[in-house]
Amino acid sequence: MNFLLVIARFILVLYFSIYGLIHLLLFLTPETARYLIFMNYVNWPMRDLQNPPKYELNNVHNFYLDVEADVRVGIWHYIPEPLEYNFTKHGQNNLKEHFERYFKIHDRRPVVLYVHGNDRDRSDYGRMKLCKSLSELGYHIFAIDYRGYGDSTGTPSETGVVNDVLALYNFIKAYQNETKIFFWGHSLGTGISSHAAKILSDFNAPPAGVVLEAPFFNISQAAKEHLAAPLILNNPWIVRMGEEALLNLNIHFNNAENVLKSKTKFLILHAEDDMFIPQDRSRDLLKICNEKRPTDYPPVKLVEFHKRFGLGHGKIYTHKEIYPMIKDFIEN
């Protein structure tokens, strides 16, 4: 019994220490809010991202793209079958050689830019499995670690990570302008993808389509509904401080506004048993699109997955029925 009391006391002291520290940091350095959104410090150690075969990826080419003077982002290119790729033979090709080989010689296969969530990197197991499955459909898949993630340099911000995705988009278009490029964003990646699509739409050059997997309405609401929110965002002061900090950092990730203003088609995927972002947020997105999105814009479709499948926040890729659906979305 004494042992249980000691454990309970320890847990309470730890909780209130962390709780007080977060309050203090937000008061003294509002910049702290950035690290509650971009959790690039949550990762597995000793990742060798330059060597995809280490992860049993034999059709993946690793390369880097210089976005700004001090920002270089790491990217994996999943080469689709039946195109031939051998890491030992082709892995050392420079960027120009690689793109000329796969985008000037071969046919114009669709391209999917995969934009992951707010922690870990492009070597996450689920992300690799999804990208591999999509490449097996015959598409070029580019999995990007935006700035600050994986082996990419720089500090993440909304403007910065969106620019990283746009830089990759424009780089591919420079080699094969006729290629259809789609965005696939998961969780935080939905906010990045929809923002990038909105910017391209502003220039009348939208992507061919966008898949939003487990999207939120906007980042402020997503923070309040997070699984850990009741433990931290449980008083008006810290909620107000957090919102002001995000506003000052120009972090909005407003999916609702971006989807309304993007002149491209959207496919929204959301599981009923998602514990991090409620499925209702996808329904809210569809509702506001039905009410306010221009009628001459391409359609927005929502596909919901029953909780009996156990797909949660990050396992929709395991549901085999999504792939014919994705194929139809991309090719028709």
Protein backbone atom coordinates (compact mmCIF):
# COMPACT_ATOMS: atom_id res chain seq x y z
CA MET A 1 0.00 0.00 0.00
CA ASN A 2 2.85 2.38 0.88
CA PHE A 3 4.45 1.56 -2.45
CA LEU A 4 1.27 2.55 -4.31
CA LEU A 5 1.09 5.82 -2.40
CA VAL A 6 4.69 6.60 -3.31
CA ILE A 7 3.94 5.91 -6.99
CA ALA A 8 0.79 8.04 -6.88
CA ARG A 9 2.66 10.88 -5.19
CA PHE A 10 5.43 10.67 -7.79
CA ILE A 11 2.94 10.81 -10.67
CA LEU A 12 1.15 13.81 -9.18
CA VAL A 13 4.40 15.69 -8.54
CA LEU A 14 5.59 14.93 -12.08
CA TYR A 15 2.29 16.03 -13.62
CA PHE A 16 2.08 19.33 -11.75
CA SER A 17 5.77 20.02 -12.42
CA ILE A 18 5.27 19.58 -16.18
CA TYR A 19 1.97 21.46 -16.02
CA GLY A 20 3.60 24.40 -14.23
CA LEU A 21 6.63 24.35 -16.54
CA ILE A 22 4.46 24.59 -19.67
CA HIS A 23 2.56 27.53 -18.19
CA LEU A 24 5.84 29.26 -17.29
CA LEU A 25 7.40 28.67 -20.69
CA LEU A 26 4.35 29.94 -22.56
CA PHE A 27 4.40 33.06 -20.40
CA LEU A 28 8.15 33.71 -20.74
CA THR A 29 8.76 32.37 -24.26
CA PRO A 30 5.61 32.04 -26.42
CA GLU A 31 7.91 30.42 -29.01
CA THR A 32 7.34 27.24 -26.94
CA ALA A 33 4.00 26.83 -28.72
CA ARG A 34 5.87 25.99 -31.92
CA TYR A 35 7.22 22.80 -30.32
CA LEU A 36 3.77 21.68 -29.26
CA ILE A 37 2.74 21.69 -32.94
CA PHE A 38 5.98 20.60 -34.63
CA MET A 39 7.18 17.65 -32.55
CA ASN A 40 10.26 16.93 -34.66
CA TYR A 41 12.13 16.03 -31.47
CA VAL A 42 9.99 12.88 -31.16
CA ASN A 43 11.94 10.35 -33.20
CA TRP A 44 13.81 7.09 -33.13
CA PRO A 45 17.59 7.55 -32.69
CA MET A 46 20.26 6.42 -35.14
CA ARG A 47 18.15 6.58 -38.30
CA ASP A 48 20.09 6.06 -41.53
CA LEU A 49 17.84 7.86 -43.98
CA GLN A 50 20.46 7.91 -46.72
CA ASN A 51 20.22 4.14 -47.01
CA PRO A 52 16.63 3.05 -47.88
CA PRO A 53 17.60 -0.64 -48.40
CA LYS A 54 18.25 -0.73 -44.65
CA TYR A 55 14.45 -0.52 -44.36
CA GLU A 56 13.91 -3.17 -47.05
CA LEU A 57 13.15 -0.50 -49.63
CA ASN A 58 14.99 -1.53 -52.76
CA ASN A 59 13.10 0.73 -55.16
CA VAL A 60 13.68 3.98 -53.24
CA HIS A 61 16.11 6.75 -54.14
CA ASN A 62 17.20 9.17 -51.41
CA PHE A 63 17.98 12.74 -52.38
CA TYR A 64 18.07 16.27 -51.00
CA LEU A 65 16.58 19.51 -52.27
CA ASP A 66 17.93 22.93 -51.37
CA VAL A 67 14.90 25.09 -50.63
CA GLU A 68 16.61 28.11 -49.09
CA ALA A 69 20.18 29.10 -48.26
CA ASP A 70 20.09 27.25 -44.93
CA VAL A 71 17.32 24.71 -45.61
CA ARG A 72 17.92 21.35 -47.26
CA VAL A 73 15.12 18.78 -47.13
CA GLY A 74 15.45 15.01 -47.37
CA ILE A 75 13.17 13.09 -49.74
CA TRP A 76 12.60 9.46 -50.69
CA HIS A 77 11.49 8.74 -54.25
CA TYR A 78 9.63 5.43 -54.55
CA ILE A 79 10.15 4.28 -58.14
CA PRO A 80 7.10 2.38 -59.42
CA GLU A 81 7.22 -0.99 -61.08
CA PRO A 82 8.07 -1.99 -63.75
CA LEU A 83 10.66 0.82 -63.88
CA GLU A 84 14.05 -0.56 -62.94
CA TYR A 85 16.01 0.80 -60.00
CA ASN A 86 18.98 -0.65 -58.16
CA PHE A 87 20.24 1.27 -55.14
CA THR A 88 23.78 -0.05 -55.47
CA LYS A 89 23.91 0.97 -59.12
CA HIS A 90 21.73 4.09 -59.18
CA GLY A 91 21.82 5.32 -55.58
CA GLN A 92 24.79 7.62 -56.19
CA ASN A 93 23.28 9.35 -59.22
CA ASN A 94 23.07 13.09 -58.76
CA LEU A 95 19.74 14.87 -58.80
CA LYS A 96 19.91 15.82 -62.48
CA GLU A 97 20.83 12.29 -63.56
CA HIS A 98 18.09 10.75 -61.45
CA PHE A 99 15.30 13.01 -62.65
CA GLU A 100 16.32 12.81 -66.29
CA ARG A 101 16.32 9.02 -66.03
CA TYR A 102 12.84 8.74 -64.54
CA PHE A 103 11.04 11.85 -65.79
CA LYS A 104 12.33 12.46 -69.29
CA ILE A 105 12.82 8.93 -70.56
CA HIS A 106 9.84 7.12 -69.02
CA ASP A 107 6.13 7.68 -69.42
CA ARG A 108 4.17 10.34 -67.54
CA ARG A 109 2.97 8.38 -64.55
CA PRO A 110 1.02 10.21 -61.84
CA VAL A 111 3.00 11.56 -58.91
CA VAL A 112 1.96 11.61 -55.25
CA LEU A 113 3.73 13.89 -52.76
CA TYR A 114 3.31 12.35 -49.31
CA VAL A 115 3.33 14.85 -46.42
CA HIS A 116 3.49 13.21 -42.99
CA GLY A 117 2.27 14.24 -39.54
CA ASN A 118 3.86 16.19 -36.71
CA ASP A 119 6.41 13.69 -35.39
CA ARG A 120 9.01 11.14 -36.58
CA ASP A 121 10.22 11.07 -40.20
CA ARG A 122 9.88 9.40 -43.60
CA SER A 123 11.19 6.07 -42.24
CA ASP A 124 8.16 5.53 -39.98
CA TYR A 125 6.84 2.01 -40.61
CA GLY A 126 3.28 2.99 -41.51
CA ARG A 127 4.45 5.75 -43.83
CA MET A 128 6.78 3.40 -45.64
CA LYS A 129 4.05 0.78 -46.04
CA LEU A 130 1.60 3.33 -47.46
CA CYS A 131 4.13 4.79 -49.90
CA LYS A 132 5.23 1.33 -51.02
CA SER A 133 1.61 0.29 -51.61
CA LEU A 134 0.95 3.44 -53.64
CA SER A 135 4.07 2.89 -55.76
CA GLU A 136 2.83 -0.64 -56.48
CA LEU A 137 -0.20 0.99 -58.13
CA GLY A 138 2.23 2.41 -60.67
CA TYR A 139 2.75 5.92 -59.28
CA HIS A 140 5.86 7.89 -58.42
CA ILE A 141 5.76 8.59 -54.68
CA PHE A 142 7.82 11.33 -53.03
CA ALA A 143 7.93 11.19 -49.22
CA ILE A 144 9.31 14.48 -47.91
CA ASP A 145 10.69 15.32 -44.49
CA TYR A 146 9.93 19.02 -44.34
CA ARG A 147 12.38 21.29 -42.55
CA GLY A 148 13.48 20.24 -39.09
CA TYR A 149 12.36 16.62 -39.54
CA GLY A 150 14.50 13.56 -40.20
CA ASP A 151 17.78 14.72 -41.72
CA SER A 152 16.29 17.95 -43.09
CA THR A 153 17.80 21.19 -41.83
CA GLY A 154 16.03 24.33 -40.67
CA THR A 155 13.32 25.18 -38.14
CA PRO A 156 9.70 24.36 -38.94
CA SER A 157 7.04 27.05 -39.36
CA GLU A 158 3.82 27.00 -41.32
CA THR A 159 5.22 29.17 -44.10
CA GLY A 160 8.45 27.19 -44.16
CA VAL A 161 7.03 23.67 -44.36
CA VAL A 162 4.51 24.72 -47.01
CA ASN A 163 7.35 26.23 -49.03
CA ASP A 164 9.24 22.93 -48.78
CA VAL A 165 6.34 21.06 -50.36
CA LEU A 166 5.91 23.72 -53.05
CA ALA A 167 9.63 23.59 -53.84
CA LEU A 168 9.41 19.84 -54.47
CA TYR A 169 6.23 20.29 -56.53
CA ASN A 170 7.85 22.95 -58.71
CA PHE A 171 11.04 20.92 -59.06
CA ILE A 172 9.13 17.93 -60.44
CA LYS A 173 7.06 20.15 -62.73
CA ALA A 174 10.26 21.64 -64.15
CA TYR A 175 11.25 18.19 -65.37
CA GLN A 176 7.86 16.93 -66.50
CA ASN A 177 5.31 19.70 -66.76
CA GLU A 178 2.54 17.42 -68.04
CA THR A 179 2.74 15.08 -65.06
CA LYS A 180 -0.29 15.05 -62.78
CA ILE A 181 0.82 15.70 -59.20
CA PHE A 182 -1.33 14.84 -56.19
CA PHE A 183 -0.81 15.69 -52.52
CA TRP A 184 -1.43 13.18 -49.75
CA GLY A 185 -1.38 14.71 -46.27
CA HIS A 186 -1.83 12.91 -42.98
CA SER A 187 -2.79 14.67 -39.72
CA LEU A 188 -0.63 17.83 -39.56
CA GLY A 189 0.29 17.03 -43.17
CA THR A 190 -3.31 17.77 -44.16
CA GLY A 191 -2.82 21.38 -43.06
CA ILE A 192 0.41 21.61 -45.05
CA SER A 193 -1.07 19.97 -48.15
CA SER A 194 -4.26 22.03 -48.21
CA HIS A 195 -2.28 25.25 -47.70
CA ALA A 196 0.06 24.35 -50.58
CA ALA A 197 -2.95 23.52 -52.78
CA LYS A 198 -4.54 26.86 -51.92
CA ILE A 199 -1.38 28.78 -52.89
CA LEU A 200 -1.12 26.92 -56.21
CA SER A 201 -4.81 27.62 -56.83
CA ASP A 202 -4.15 31.33 -56.26
CA PHE A 203 -1.80 31.11 -59.26
CA ASN A 204 -4.36 29.09 -61.27
CA ALA A 205 -2.07 26.07 -61.19
CA PRO A 206 -3.66 23.73 -58.60
CA PRO A 207 -2.45 20.17 -58.05
CA ALA A 208 -4.39 17.38 -59.74
CA GLY A 209 -5.99 16.44 -56.42
CA VAL A 210 -5.47 16.19 -52.67
CA VAL A 211 -6.01 13.30 -50.27
CA LEU A 212 -6.59 14.41 -46.68
CA GLU A 213 -6.13 11.56 -44.19
CA ALA A 214 -7.46 12.36 -40.70
CA PRO A 215 -7.75 16.13 -41.20
CA PHE A 216 -8.63 18.74 -38.59
CA PHE A 217 -10.68 21.91 -39.08
CA ASN A 218 -7.91 24.29 -38.00
CA ILE A 219 -4.88 23.88 -35.75
CA SER A 220 -6.30 25.86 -32.82
CA GLN A 221 -9.32 23.58 -32.57
CA ALA A 222 -7.15 20.49 -33.10
CA ALA A 223 -4.94 21.48 -30.15
CA LYS A 224 -7.97 21.87 -27.87
CA GLU A 225 -9.30 18.44 -28.89
CA HIS A 226 -5.99 16.58 -28.64
CA LEU A 227 -5.90 13.50 -26.42
CA ALA A 228 -3.60 15.31 -23.95
CA ALA A 229 -5.55 18.59 -23.96
CA PRO A 230 -7.59 17.89 -20.79
CA LEU A 231 -4.32 17.53 -18.88
CA ILE A 232 -2.80 20.78 -20.14
CA LEU A 233 -5.33 23.07 -21.84
CA ASN A 234 -7.72 22.97 -18.92
CA ASN A 235 -7.94 26.63 -17.88
CA PRO A 236 -8.85 29.80 -19.80
CA TRP A 237 -5.45 31.43 -19.24
CA ILE A 238 -3.34 28.79 -20.93
CA VAL A 239 -5.87 28.42 -23.77
CA ARG A 240 -5.69 32.17 -24.42
CA MET A 241 -1.87 32.21 -24.17
CA GLY A 242 -1.61 29.27 -26.55
CA GLU A 243 -3.92 30.86 -29.13
CA GLU A 244 -2.07 34.19 -28.95
CA ALA A 245 1.28 32.41 -29.33
CA LEU A 246 0.12 30.51 -32.42
CA LEU A 247 -1.27 33.73 -33.88
CA ASN A 248 2.02 35.56 -33.30
CA LEU A 249 3.94 32.65 -34.84
CA ASN A 250 1.60 32.77 -37.87
CA ILE A 251 0.61 29.13 -37.36
CA HIS A 252 -2.99 28.60 -38.47
CA PHE A 253 -3.17 25.47 -40.66
CA ASN A 254 -6.75 26.35 -41.52
CA ASN A 255 -7.96 23.34 -43.49
CA ALA A 256 -11.48 24.73 -43.77
CA GLU A 257 -10.38 27.95 -45.44
CA ASN A 258 -7.80 26.25 -47.64
CA VAL A 259 -10.16 23.57 -48.94
CA LEU A 260 -12.81 26.18 -49.72
CA LYS A 261 -10.34 28.17 -51.84
CA SER A 262 -8.50 25.32 -53.59
CA LYS A 263 -9.58 24.69 -57.17
CA THR A 264 -8.95 20.95 -57.11
CA LYS A 265 -10.69 17.77 -56.03
CA PHE A 266 -10.35 16.40 -52.50
CA LEU A 267 -10.69 12.91 -51.06
CA ILE A 268 -11.04 12.88 -47.26
CA LEU A 269 -10.32 9.66 -45.33
CA HIS A 270 -11.17 9.37 -41.63
CA ALA A 271 -11.62 6.49 -39.18
CA GLU A 272 -14.41 6.52 -36.62
CA ASP A 273 -12.02 5.36 -33.86
CA ASP A 274 -9.46 8.14 -34.41
CA MET A 275 -8.52 9.17 -30.85
CA PHE A 276 -6.46 12.22 -31.84
CA ILE A 277 -8.67 14.00 -34.37
CA PRO A 278 -12.42 13.28 -34.17
CA GLN A 279 -14.09 12.02 -37.32
CA ASP A 280 -16.59 14.85 -36.91
CA ARG A 281 -13.92 17.30 -38.08
CA SER A 282 -13.97 15.70 -41.53
CA ARG A 283 -17.74 15.91 -41.51
CA ASP A 284 -17.44 19.59 -40.62
CA LEU A 285 -15.11 20.10 -43.58
CA LEU A 286 -17.55 18.40 -45.94
CA LYS A 287 -20.45 20.40 -44.52
CA ILE A 288 -18.76 23.77 -45.00
CA CYS A 289 -17.73 22.76 -48.53
CA ASN A 290 -21.32 21.84 -49.39
CA GLU A 291 -22.46 25.21 -48.04
CA LYS A 292 -19.76 27.62 -49.22
CA ARG A 293 -17.44 26.04 -51.81
CA PRO A 294 -18.07 27.39 -55.35
CA THR A 295 -20.26 25.00 -57.30
CA ASP A 296 -17.93 25.05 -60.32
CA TYR A 297 -15.00 23.71 -58.24
CA PRO A 298 -14.11 19.99 -58.40
CA PRO A 299 -15.83 17.75 -55.83
CA VAL A 300 -14.93 17.02 -52.21
CA LYS A 301 -15.63 13.44 -51.12
CA LEU A 302 -15.53 11.98 -47.61
CA VAL A 303 -14.95 8.28 -46.93
CA GLU A 304 -15.50 7.13 -43.35
CA PHE A 305 -14.22 3.89 -41.82
CA HIS A 306 -16.16 2.06 -39.12
CA LYS A 307 -14.45 1.51 -35.79
CA ARG A 308 -14.71 -2.28 -36.23
CA PHE A 309 -11.75 -2.04 -38.63
CA GLY A 310 -9.54 -0.66 -35.87
CA LEU A 311 -7.79 1.86 -38.14
CA GLY A 312 -7.49 4.65 -35.57
CA HIS A 313 -5.39 7.69 -36.41
CA GLY A 314 -2.68 6.12 -38.50
CA LYS A 315 -3.60 2.71 -39.89
CA ILE A 316 -5.90 3.48 -42.80
CA TYR A 317 -3.07 2.25 -45.05
CA THR A 318 -3.76 -1.31 -43.77
CA HIS A 319 -7.30 -1.28 -45.18
CA LYS A 320 -6.93 -2.88 -48.61
CA GLU A 321 -10.19 -1.43 -49.88
CA ILE A 322 -8.72 2.08 -50.02
CA TYR A 323 -6.38 1.29 -52.91
CA PRO A 324 -8.99 0.76 -55.65
CA MET A 325 -10.59 3.95 -54.32
CA ILE A 326 -7.28 5.83 -54.59
CA LYS A 327 -6.69 4.46 -58.07
CA ASP A 328 -10.10 5.71 -59.16
CA PHE A 329 -9.46 9.13 -57.57
CA ILE A 330 -6.10 9.53 -59.32
CA GLU A 331 -6.89 8.07 -62.74
CA ASN A 332 -10.47 9.24 -63.34
